[in-house]
Protein backbone atom coordinates (compact mmCIF):
# COMPACT_ATOMS: atom_id res chain seq x y z
CA MET A 1 96.00 182.70 47.39
CA LEU A 2 93.22 183.88 49.68
CA GLU A 3 93.42 183.14 53.35
CA LYS A 4 90.77 180.96 54.95
CA GLN A 5 89.05 183.87 56.74
CA GLU A 6 88.85 185.90 53.55
CA LYS A 7 87.22 183.07 51.73
CA ARG A 8 84.66 182.78 54.45
CA HIS A 9 83.94 186.46 54.27
CA ARG A 10 83.50 186.19 50.55
CA ARG A 11 81.03 183.28 50.94
CA HIS A 12 79.15 185.26 53.64
CA ARG A 13 78.73 188.34 51.39
CA LYS A 14 77.26 186.07 48.70
CA ILE A 15 74.72 184.53 51.22
CA ARG A 16 73.90 188.09 52.73
CA ALA A 17 73.08 189.38 49.22
CA LYS A 18 70.35 186.81 48.93
CA ILE A 19 68.83 186.84 52.49
CA SER A 20 67.67 189.54 55.00
CA GLY A 21 65.70 189.58 58.22
CA THR A 22 62.61 191.57 59.30
CA LEU A 23 61.09 192.19 62.70
CA LYS A 24 58.64 189.36 62.33
CA ILE A 25 61.04 187.00 60.47
CA PRO A 26 64.62 187.94 61.66
CA ARG A 27 67.84 186.60 60.33
CA PHE A 28 69.44 183.97 62.64
CA CYS A 29 73.12 184.70 62.22
CA VAL A 30 75.86 182.30 63.47
CA PHE A 31 79.46 183.19 64.46
CA ARG A 32 81.81 180.41 65.31
CA SER A 33 85.31 181.06 66.80
CA ALA A 34 87.85 178.44 67.86
CA LYS A 35 86.49 178.26 71.42
CA HIS A 36 82.94 179.68 71.31
CA ILE A 37 79.80 179.88 69.29
CA TYR A 38 77.33 182.78 69.16
CA GLY A 39 73.79 183.13 67.74
CA GLN A 40 71.95 186.41 67.00
CA LEU A 41 68.51 187.24 65.76
CA ILE A 42 68.84 190.41 63.68
CA ASP A 43 66.32 192.85 62.09
CA ASP A 44 68.14 194.03 58.94
CA GLU A 45 65.43 196.68 58.15
CA GLN A 46 66.25 198.62 61.28
CA GLY A 47 69.81 197.27 61.58
CA LYS A 48 69.27 196.14 65.19
CA THR A 49 69.96 192.92 67.05
CA ILE A 50 66.82 191.57 68.60
CA LEU A 51 68.54 189.07 70.84
CA ASN A 52 71.99 187.46 71.32
CA VAL A 53 72.93 184.14 72.90
CA ASN A 54 76.34 182.53 73.20
CA ASP A 55 77.88 179.48 74.85
CA LEU A 56 79.22 181.54 77.67
CA ASN A 57 75.53 181.87 78.81
CA VAL A 58 74.99 178.22 78.52
CA LYS A 59 78.21 176.97 80.21
CA LYS A 60 76.82 177.87 83.60
CA SER A 61 74.57 174.83 83.67
CA PRO A 62 75.88 171.98 86.01
CA ALA A 63 75.75 169.22 83.35
CA VAL A 64 78.19 171.03 81.01
CA ALA A 65 80.46 172.06 83.93
CA LYS A 66 81.02 168.31 84.71
CA VAL A 67 82.07 167.50 81.17
CA SER A 68 84.38 170.54 80.86
CA ALA A 69 85.89 169.72 84.29
CA LYS A 70 86.87 166.23 83.03
CA VAL A 71 88.56 167.81 80.02
CA VAL A 72 90.55 170.36 82.16
CA ALA A 73 91.44 167.70 84.67
CA GLY A 74 92.95 165.52 81.85
CA LYS A 75 95.07 168.52 80.79
CA SER A 76 96.22 169.48 84.27
CA GLU A 77 97.53 166.01 85.14
CA GLY A 78 100.02 166.20 82.31
CA LYS A 79 98.95 162.94 80.66
CA GLU A 80 99.01 162.58 76.96
CA LYS A 81 95.56 162.91 75.42
CA SER A 82 93.91 159.81 74.48
CA LYS A 83 91.32 159.58 71.73
CA ASP A 84 88.59 159.43 74.39
CA GLU A 85 89.57 162.91 75.79
CA LYS A 86 89.60 164.44 72.28
CA THR A 87 86.12 162.97 71.71
CA ILE A 88 84.90 164.42 74.97
CA LYS A 89 86.28 167.89 74.13
CA MET A 90 84.75 167.83 70.61
CA THR A 91 81.43 166.48 71.89
CA ASN A 92 81.47 169.27 74.47
CA LYS A 93 81.62 171.86 71.80
CA VAL A 94 78.97 170.36 69.76
CA GLU A 95 76.75 169.87 72.87
CA LEU A 96 77.23 173.51 73.80
CA ALA A 97 76.30 174.62 70.31
CA PHE A 98 73.10 172.52 70.46
CA ARG A 99 72.24 173.97 73.89
CA VAL A 100 72.83 177.56 72.48
CA GLY A 101 70.38 176.78 69.71
CA LYS A 102 67.74 175.57 72.16
CA LEU A 103 68.32 178.62 74.36
CA ILE A 104 67.98 181.12 71.54
CA ALA A 105 64.85 179.35 70.41
CA GLU A 106 63.32 179.59 73.85
CA LYS A 107 64.15 183.32 74.13
CA ALA A 108 62.73 183.93 70.59
CA ILE A 109 59.54 182.26 71.43
CA GLU A 110 59.26 184.36 74.56
CA ASN A 111 59.57 187.43 72.18
CA LYS A 112 56.79 185.91 69.91
CA ILE A 113 59.27 185.02 67.08
CA VAL A 114 58.62 181.62 65.57
CA LYS A 115 60.05 181.80 62.02
CA VAL A 116 63.58 182.89 61.12
CA VAL A 117 65.94 182.99 58.16
CA PHE A 118 69.10 181.00 58.86
CA ASP A 119 72.49 182.66 58.00
CA ARG A 120 75.32 180.18 58.46
CA GLY A 121 77.84 182.99 58.15
CA GLY A 122 79.89 181.44 55.33
CA TYR A 123 80.63 178.31 57.41
CA LYS A 124 79.88 174.80 56.18
CA TYR A 125 76.66 173.30 57.50
CA HIS A 126 78.18 170.65 59.70
CA GLY A 127 79.59 170.20 63.21
CA ARG A 128 78.81 173.03 65.54
CA VAL A 129 76.85 175.08 63.06
CA LYS A 130 74.51 172.18 62.30
CA ALA A 131 74.19 171.41 66.03
CA LEU A 132 73.20 175.04 66.63
CA ALA A 133 70.57 174.90 63.94
CA GLU A 134 69.17 171.53 65.12
CA GLY A 135 68.95 172.85 68.69
CA ALA A 136 67.05 175.85 67.47
CA ARG A 137 64.68 173.61 65.45
CA GLU A 138 64.12 171.38 68.45
CA GLY A 139 63.43 174.44 70.59
CA GLY A 140 60.64 175.47 68.29
CA LEU A 141 62.06 177.78 65.66
CA LYS A 142 61.12 177.27 62.09
CA PHE A 143 63.59 177.92 59.18
């Protein structure tokens, strides 16, 4: 039986066989780890990354810092996690993904890139991946 990561890599290879990016219409690639989410605009013809944004860049904003401080404070007190704290934490990840999408769209528009090809990286289109895509759309990118 294949492991979860191997299955994702297999799906990603199938997707990559069908799509590619150029300098004018780059590939918007998503990588999602357990803690973070990354977005890249890639020119496949030259094999170069045009720009890269991740949630570590976005976490520095004060609004996000307040939410993550609440989650950390809940952990440090040694209390059992309530359903509300889990919701705050999950919402925080989705919110960060949305902000990463908006940030990559802003940077892409600064570089005169308006249209991209979305590469979900073998992940299902829901949760953080969907929030990243919606943030990029709201920021002005067209898929």
